[in-house]
Amino acid sequence: MEIVVAFLFVVLVLFGLDRMMLWLERRGHVNWRRTGRRNLSAEPTAELDSLLVNSAPERAHQS
């Protein structure tokens, strides 16, 4: 009986999450169902290492 209750609880939670995601998508907060996953390799990179290296000498001269 405990397994049945646990299974029903899991089904209820998954159904509630699905309804919540549909509601959020309808309001424009998420759009993962329409667009799918983004290709991260096609996204621009921040190149934070080069930003930190280039800004270090400027800070030394400002002091």
N, C-alpha and C. Protein backbone atom coordinates (compact mmCIF):
# COMPACT_ATOMS: atom_id res chain seq x y z
N MET A 1 0.83 -1.20 0.00
CA MET A 1 0.00 0.00 0.00
C MET A 1 0.87 1.26 0.00
N GLU A 2 2.00 1.23 0.73
CA GLU A 2 2.88 2.40 0.77
C GLU A 2 3.45 2.70 -0.60
N ILE A 3 3.72 1.65 -1.37
CA ILE A 3 4.27 1.85 -2.72
C ILE A 3 3.24 2.53 -3.61
N VAL A 4 1.99 2.15 -3.46
CA VAL A 4 0.91 2.76 -4.26
C VAL A 4 0.78 4.23 -3.91
N VAL A 5 0.83 4.56 -2.64
CA VAL A 5 0.74 5.96 -2.21
C VAL A 5 1.94 6.75 -2.73
N ALA A 6 3.13 6.17 -2.65
CA ALA A 6 4.32 6.85 -3.15
C ALA A 6 4.24 7.06 -4.66
N PHE A 7 3.75 6.06 -5.38
CA PHE A 7 3.61 6.19 -6.83
C PHE A 7 2.60 7.27 -7.19
N LEU A 8 1.46 7.30 -6.49
CA LEU A 8 0.46 8.34 -6.74
C LEU A 8 1.01 9.73 -6.43
N PHE A 9 1.81 9.83 -5.37
CA PHE A 9 2.42 11.11 -5.03
C PHE A 9 3.38 11.56 -6.13
N VAL A 10 4.18 10.65 -6.67
CA VAL A 10 5.10 10.98 -7.75
C VAL A 10 4.32 11.43 -8.98
N VAL A 11 3.25 10.73 -9.31
CA VAL A 11 2.43 11.11 -10.47
C VAL A 11 1.83 12.49 -10.25
N LEU A 12 1.36 12.75 -9.05
CA LEU A 12 0.77 14.06 -8.75
C LEU A 12 1.80 15.18 -8.87
N VAL A 13 3.00 14.95 -8.37
CA VAL A 13 4.05 15.97 -8.45
C VAL A 13 4.45 16.21 -9.89
N LEU A 14 4.64 15.16 -10.67
CA LEU A 14 5.01 15.34 -12.08
C LEU A 14 3.92 16.05 -12.86
N PHE A 15 2.67 15.71 -12.61
CA PHE A 15 1.56 16.39 -13.28
C PHE A 15 1.52 17.87 -12.89
N GLY A 16 1.72 18.15 -11.61
CA GLY A 16 1.73 19.55 -11.16
C GLY A 16 2.88 20.34 -11.77
N LEU A 17 4.06 19.73 -11.86
CA LEU A 17 5.19 20.42 -12.48
C LEU A 17 4.94 20.69 -13.96
N ASP A 18 4.34 19.72 -14.64
CA ASP A 18 4.03 19.91 -16.06
C ASP A 18 3.04 21.06 -16.25
N ARG A 19 2.01 21.11 -15.41
CA ARG A 19 1.03 22.21 -15.51
C ARG A 19 1.69 23.55 -15.19
N MET A 20 2.59 23.57 -14.20
CA MET A 20 3.27 24.81 -13.85
C MET A 20 4.17 25.28 -14.99
N MET A 21 4.87 24.36 -15.65
CA MET A 21 5.72 24.75 -16.77
C MET A 21 4.88 25.28 -17.93
N LEU A 22 3.74 24.66 -18.20
CA LEU A 22 2.86 25.18 -19.25
C LEU A 22 2.34 26.57 -18.90
N TRP A 23 2.01 26.79 -17.63
CA TRP A 23 1.53 28.10 -17.20
C TRP A 23 2.63 29.16 -17.34
N LEU A 24 3.86 28.80 -16.92
CA LEU A 24 4.98 29.74 -17.05
C LEU A 24 5.29 30.02 -18.51
N GLU A 25 5.19 29.00 -19.36
CA GLU A 25 5.45 29.21 -20.78
C GLU A 25 4.39 30.12 -21.39
N ARG A 26 3.15 29.93 -21.02
CA ARG A 26 2.07 30.76 -21.54
C ARG A 26 2.26 32.23 -21.15
N ARG A 27 2.81 32.46 -19.96
CA ARG A 27 3.04 33.84 -19.51
C ARG A 27 4.34 34.42 -20.04
N GLY A 28 5.14 33.62 -20.77
CA GLY A 28 6.36 34.13 -21.37
C GLY A 28 7.60 34.00 -20.52
N HIS A 29 7.54 33.29 -19.42
CA HIS A 29 8.71 33.16 -18.55
C HIS A 29 9.71 32.13 -19.05
N VAL A 30 9.23 31.08 -19.69
CA VAL A 30 10.10 30.05 -20.25
C VAL A 30 9.61 29.73 -21.66
N ASN A 31 10.52 29.29 -22.50
CA ASN A 31 10.11 28.92 -23.86
C ASN A 31 10.87 27.69 -24.33
N TRP A 32 11.20 26.79 -23.44
CA TRP A 32 12.00 25.63 -23.80
C TRP A 32 11.23 24.63 -24.64
N ARG A 33 9.93 24.57 -24.54
CA ARG A 33 9.17 23.61 -25.35
C ARG A 33 9.09 24.04 -26.80
N ARG A 34 9.03 25.33 -27.06
CA ARG A 34 8.91 25.81 -28.43
C ARG A 34 10.24 25.81 -29.15
N THR A 35 11.29 26.21 -28.49
CA THR A 35 12.56 26.43 -29.17
C THR A 35 13.53 25.27 -29.04
N GLY A 36 13.35 24.41 -28.08
CA GLY A 36 14.32 23.34 -27.88
C GLY A 36 15.58 23.89 -27.22
N ARG A 37 16.61 23.08 -27.19
CA ARG A 37 17.85 23.51 -26.54
C ARG A 37 18.66 24.39 -27.46
N ARG A 38 19.34 25.36 -26.88
CA ARG A 38 20.23 26.22 -27.66
C ARG A 38 21.54 25.51 -27.91
N ASN A 39 22.13 25.80 -29.05
CA ASN A 39 23.44 25.25 -29.37
C ASN A 39 24.48 26.13 -28.69
N LEU A 40 25.04 25.66 -27.59
CA LEU A 40 25.96 26.48 -26.80
C LEU A 40 27.26 26.76 -27.54
N SER A 41 27.67 25.87 -28.43
CA SER A 41 28.91 26.12 -29.16
C SER A 41 28.72 27.26 -30.17
N ALA A 42 27.49 27.58 -30.55
CA ALA A 42 27.24 28.69 -31.47
C ALA A 42 27.08 30.02 -30.74
N GLU A 43 26.93 29.98 -29.43
CA GLU A 43 26.77 31.21 -28.65
C GLU A 43 28.11 31.94 -28.53
N PRO A 44 28.09 33.26 -28.41
CA PRO A 44 29.36 33.98 -28.24
C PRO A 44 29.99 33.66 -26.89
N THR A 45 31.29 33.66 -26.85
CA THR A 45 32.01 33.38 -25.61
C THR A 45 32.40 34.69 -24.94
N ALA A 46 32.52 34.65 -23.63
CA ALA A 46 32.85 35.86 -22.88
C ALA A 46 34.34 36.13 -22.86
N GLU A 47 35.16 35.09 -22.97
CA GLU A 47 36.61 35.22 -22.91
C GLU A 47 37.05 35.98 -21.67
N LEU A 48 36.59 35.53 -20.52
CA LEU A 48 36.88 36.22 -19.27
C LEU A 48 38.37 36.22 -18.94
N ASP A 49 39.08 35.17 -19.34
CA ASP A 49 40.52 35.13 -19.06
C ASP A 49 41.24 36.30 -19.72
N SER A 50 40.91 36.58 -20.97
CA SER A 50 41.59 37.67 -21.65
C SER A 50 41.17 39.02 -21.07
N LEU A 51 39.94 39.14 -20.59
CA LEU A 51 39.50 40.39 -19.97
C LEU A 51 40.27 40.65 -18.68
N LEU A 52 40.47 39.61 -17.88
CA LEU A 52 41.18 39.77 -16.62
C LEU A 52 42.66 40.05 -16.85
N VAL A 53 43.26 39.42 -17.83
CA VAL A 53 44.68 39.62 -18.11
C VAL A 53 44.91 41.03 -18.65
N ASN A 54 44.03 41.50 -19.52
CA ASN A 54 44.19 42.82 -20.11
C ASN A 54 43.92 43.94 -19.12
N SER A 55 43.06 43.71 -18.13
CA SER A 55 42.74 44.78 -17.19
C SER A 55 43.73 44.87 -16.05
N ALA A 56 44.53 43.85 -15.81
CA ALA A 56 45.48 43.86 -14.69
C ALA A 56 46.54 44.96 -14.83
N PRO A 57 47.20 45.16 -15.97
CA PRO A 57 48.20 46.23 -16.06
C PRO A 57 47.59 47.62 -15.92
N GLU A 58 46.34 47.79 -16.39
CA GLU A 58 45.71 49.11 -16.28
C GLU A 58 45.46 49.47 -14.83
N ARG A 59 45.11 48.52 -14.02
CA ARG A 59 44.88 48.80 -12.60
C ARG A 59 46.17 49.14 -11.88
N ALA A 60 47.26 48.55 -12.29
CA ALA A 60 48.55 48.83 -11.67
C ALA A 60 48.99 50.26 -11.96
N HIS A 61 48.67 50.76 -13.17
CA HIS A 61 49.07 52.12 -13.54
C HIS A 61 48.14 53.17 -12.94
N GLN A 62 46.92 52.79 -12.58
CA GLN A 62 45.98 53.74 -12.03
C GLN A 62 46.31 54.09 -10.58
N SER A 63 46.98 53.24 -9.87
CA SER A 63 47.24 53.47 -8.44
C SER A 63 48.26 54.54 -8.22
